[in-house]
C-alpha atoms as a PDB file:
ATOM      1  CA  UNK A   1      -7.006  45.722  -9.802  1.00  0.00           C
ATOM      2  CA  UNK A   2      -5.631  43.198  -7.453  1.00  0.00           C
ATOM      3  CA  UNK A   3      -5.577  39.199  -7.787  1.00  0.00           C
ATOM      4  CA  UNK A   4      -6.968  37.407  -4.820  1.00  0.00           C
ATOM      5  CA  UNK A   5      -7.350  33.492  -4.068  1.00  0.00           C
ATOM      6  CA  UNK A   6      -8.906  31.581  -1.112  1.00  0.00           C
ATOM      7  CA  UNK A   7      -9.668  28.058  -1.448  1.00  0.00           C
ATOM      8  CA  UNK A   8      -8.394  27.226  -4.397  1.00  0.00           C
ATOM      9  CA  UNK A   9     -10.607  29.762  -6.622  1.00  0.00           C
ATOM     10  CA  UNK A  10      -9.425  32.825  -8.283  1.00  0.00           C
ATOM     11  CA  UNK A  11     -10.970  36.826  -8.227  1.00  0.00           C
ATOM     12  CA  UNK A  12      -9.608  39.509 -10.166  1.00  0.00           C
ATOM     13  CA  UNK A  13     -11.825  42.728  -9.225  1.00  0.00           C
ATOM     14  CA  UNK A  14     -10.841  46.287  -9.431  1.00  0.00           C
ATOM     15  CA  UNK A  15      -9.145  48.643  -6.412  1.00  0.00           C
ATOM     16  CA  UNK A  16     -10.569  52.587  -8.361  1.00  0.00           C
ATOM     17  CA  UNK A  17     -13.940  53.437  -9.174  1.00  0.00           C
ATOM     18  CA  UNK A  18     -14.949  54.366 -13.248  1.00  0.00           C
ATOM     19  CA  UNK A  19     -13.498  57.509 -12.209  1.00  0.00           C
ATOM     20  CA  UNK A  20     -10.160  56.337 -11.534  1.00  0.00           C
ATOM     21  CA  UNK A  21     -10.391  57.504  -7.532  1.00  0.00           C
ATOM     22  CA  UNK A  22      -8.943  54.462  -5.462  1.00  0.00           C
ATOM     23  CA  UNK A  23     -11.875  52.063  -3.581  1.00  0.00           C
ATOM     24  CA  UNK A  24     -12.127  52.862   0.421  1.00  0.00           C
ATOM     25  CA  UNK A  25     -11.148  49.646   2.515  1.00  0.00           C
ATOM     26  CA  UNK A  26     -14.403  49.431   2.837  1.00  0.00           C
ATOM     27  CA  UNK A  27     -15.738  49.368  -0.633  1.00  0.00           C
ATOM     28  CA  UNK A  28     -13.238  46.375  -0.720  1.00  0.00           C
ATOM     29  CA  UNK A  29     -14.207  44.942   2.203  1.00  0.00           C
ATOM     30  CA  UNK A  30     -17.816  44.591   1.099  1.00  0.00           C
ATOM     31  CA  UNK A  31     -16.587  43.595  -2.519  1.00  0.00           C
ATOM     32  CA  UNK A  32     -14.974  40.642  -0.706  1.00  0.00           C
ATOM     33  CA  UNK A  33     -17.852  39.957   1.476  1.00  0.00           C
ATOM     34  CA  UNK A  34     -20.065  39.843  -1.967  1.00  0.00           C
ATOM     35  CA  UNK A  35     -18.226  38.582  -4.411  1.00  0.00           C
ATOM     36  CA  UNK A  36     -15.417  36.303  -3.182  1.00  0.00           C
ATOM     37  CA  UNK A  37     -16.738  34.817  -0.358  1.00  0.00           C
ATOM     38  CA  UNK A  38     -19.950  33.392  -0.628  1.00  0.00           C
ATOM     39  CA  UNK A  39     -18.068  31.624  -4.115  1.00  0.00           C
ATOM     40  CA  UNK A  40     -15.371  30.294  -2.195  1.00  0.00           C
ATOM     41  CA  UNK A  41     -16.461  28.701   0.858  1.00  0.00           C
ATOM     42  CA  UNK A  42     -15.729  25.284  -0.485  1.00  0.00           C
ATOM     43  CA  UNK A  43     -12.190  24.079  -1.639  1.00  0.00           C
ATOM     44  CA  UNK A  44     -11.666  23.994  -5.527  1.00  0.00           C
ATOM     45  CA  UNK A  45     -10.023  20.293  -5.800  1.00  0.00           C
ATOM     46  CA  UNK A  46      -8.587  21.199  -9.185  1.00  0.00           C
ATOM     47  CA  UNK A  47      -7.658  24.757  -8.914  1.00  0.00           C
ATOM     48  CA  UNK A  48      -6.146  26.215 -12.269  1.00  0.00           C
ATOM     49  CA  UNK A  49      -4.698  30.088 -11.898  1.00  0.00           C
ATOM     50  CA  UNK A  50      -0.937  31.005 -12.700  1.00  0.00           C
ATOM     51  CA  UNK A  51       0.511  30.643  -8.874  1.00  0.00           C
ATOM     52  CA  UNK A  52      -0.547  27.237  -8.429  1.00  0.00           C
ATOM     53  CA  UNK A  53       1.552  23.826 -10.519  1.00  0.00           C
ATOM     54  CA  UNK A  54       3.458  20.923  -9.688  1.00  0.00           C
ATOM     55  CA  UNK A  55       6.800  22.729  -9.626  1.00  0.00           C
ATOM     56  CA  UNK A  56       8.506  26.156 -10.658  1.00  0.00           C
ATOM     57  CA  UNK A  57       9.838  23.942 -14.167  1.00  0.00           C
ATOM     58  CA  UNK A  58       6.487  22.764 -14.626  1.00  0.00           C
ATOM     59  CA  UNK A  59       5.166  26.088 -13.918  1.00  0.00           C
ATOM     60  CA  UNK A  60       6.821  28.355 -15.985  1.00  0.00           C
ATOM     61  CA  UNK A  61       6.231  25.476 -19.035  1.00  0.00           C
ATOM     62  CA  UNK A  62       2.795  26.316 -18.200  1.00  0.00           C
ATOM     63  CA  UNK A  63       2.964  30.095 -17.840  1.00  0.00           C
ATOM     64  CA  UNK A  64       4.373  30.129 -21.042  1.00  0.00           C
ATOM     65  CA  UNK A  65       1.513  28.224 -23.071  1.00  0.00           C
ATOM     66  CA  UNK A  66      -1.133  30.208 -21.154  1.00  0.00           C
ATOM     67  CA  UNK A  67       0.814  33.444 -21.957  1.00  0.00           C
ATOM     68  CA  UNK A  68       0.403  31.864 -25.652  1.00  0.00           C
ATOM     69  CA  UNK A  69      -3.205  30.787 -25.763  1.00  0.00           C
ATOM     70  CA  UNK A  70      -4.052  33.771 -23.526  1.00  0.00           C
ATOM     71  CA  UNK A  71      -2.235  36.344 -22.846  1.00  0.00           C
ATOM     72  CA  UNK A  72      -5.097  38.624 -21.879  1.00  0.00           C
ATOM     73  CA  UNK A  73      -5.228  36.226 -19.045  1.00  0.00           C
ATOM     74  CA  UNK A  74      -1.822  36.294 -18.012  1.00  0.00           C
ATOM     75  CA  UNK A  75      -1.409  40.406 -18.318  1.00  0.00           C
ATOM     76  CA  UNK A  76      -4.676  40.068 -15.837  1.00  0.00           C
ATOM     77  CA  UNK A  77      -2.003  38.727 -13.155  1.00  0.00           C
ATOM     78  CA  UNK A  78       1.050  40.820 -14.669  1.00  0.00           C
ATOM     79  CA  UNK A  79      -1.116  44.019 -14.114  1.00  0.00           C
ATOM     80  CA  UNK A  80      -2.580  43.265 -10.335  1.00  0.00           C
ATOM     81  CA  UNK A  81      -1.253  45.683  -8.179  1.00  0.00           C
ATOM     82  CA  UNK A  82      -0.921  42.438  -5.575  1.00  0.00           C
ATOM     83  CA  UNK A  83      -2.106  38.902  -4.558  1.00  0.00           C
ATOM     84  CA  UNK A  84      -3.894  38.471  -1.572  1.00  0.00           C
ATOM     85  CA  UNK A  85      -4.451  34.938  -0.259  1.00  0.00           C
ATOM     86  CA  UNK A  86      -7.579  34.375   2.106  1.00  0.00           C
ATOM     87  CA  UNK A  87      -7.088  31.035   2.901  1.00  0.00           C
ATOM     88  CA  UNK A  88      -7.516  29.858   6.621  1.00  0.00           C
ATOM     89  CA  UNK A  89      -4.373  29.905   9.327  1.00  0.00           C
ATOM     90  CA  UNK A  90      -2.336  27.345   8.990  1.00  0.00           C
ATOM     91  CA  UNK A  91      -1.744  25.895  12.427  1.00  0.00           C
ATOM     92  CA  UNK A  92       1.301  24.132  13.418  1.00  0.00           C
ATOM     93  CA  UNK A  93       1.193  20.373  14.704  1.00  0.00           C
ATOM     94  CA  UNK A  94       2.979  20.068  18.387  1.00  0.00           C
ATOM     95  CA  UNK A  95       6.599  20.581  17.699  1.00  0.00           C
ATOM     96  CA  UNK A  96       6.179  21.946  14.451  1.00  0.00           C
ATOM     97  CA  UNK A  97       7.285  25.606  13.764  1.00  0.00           C
ATOM     98  CA  UNK A  98       4.787  27.985  11.578  1.00  0.00           C
ATOM     99  CA  UNK A  99       6.709  28.059   8.596  1.00  0.00           C
ATOM    100  CA  UNK A 100       7.098  23.997   8.223  1.00  0.00           C
ATOM    101  CA  UNK A 101       3.106  23.977   8.414  1.00  0.00           C
ATOM    102  CA  UNK A 102       2.755  27.027   5.740  1.00  0.00           C
ATOM    103  CA  UNK A 103       4.854  24.643   3.803  1.00  0.00           C
ATOM    104  CA  UNK A 104       3.187  21.601   4.178  1.00  0.00           C
ATOM    105  CA  UNK A 105      -0.323  23.085   3.428  1.00  0.00           C
ATOM    106  CA  UNK A 106       1.128  25.224   0.497  1.00  0.00           C
ATOM    107  CA  UNK A 107       2.918  22.066  -0.822  1.00  0.00           C
ATOM    108  CA  UNK A 108      -0.629  20.053  -0.375  1.00  0.00           C
ATOM    109  CA  UNK A 109      -2.789  22.540  -2.356  1.00  0.00           C
ATOM    110  CA  UNK A 110       0.229  22.508  -4.906  1.00  0.00           C
ATOM    111  CA  UNK A 111       0.561  26.377  -4.674  1.00  0.00           C
ATOM    112  CA  UNK A 112       3.987  28.291  -5.169  1.00  0.00           C
ATOM    113  CA  UNK A 113       4.544  31.810  -4.305  1.00  0.00           C
ATOM    114  CA  UNK A 114       7.382  33.903  -5.898  1.00  0.00           C
ATOM    115  CA  UNK A 115       8.520  36.648  -3.983  1.00  0.00           C
END
């Protein structure tokens, strides 16, 4: 499965069919159109997922608590093939480079991406 986030909403969905065959690009696009886009048009102002938190140290503590109380949820993150973020493009202000604009937007929504 893959993990997808959009406007503070979290989704997990399969990329293989019931027979274990990989879904095609068009099938995945259709899943996103049908399952993700209609349910994530409005920003979730109180998102709860494992890639958002106040900071790395706090994130680690929260992750540990979630793993202790709901290991099935954390396993879903660990087992995801990848994370796809479909948030809107962040446009830099005049004189601001794209990286700074992105980091401002990321911090505004308390998102932290680890590579």
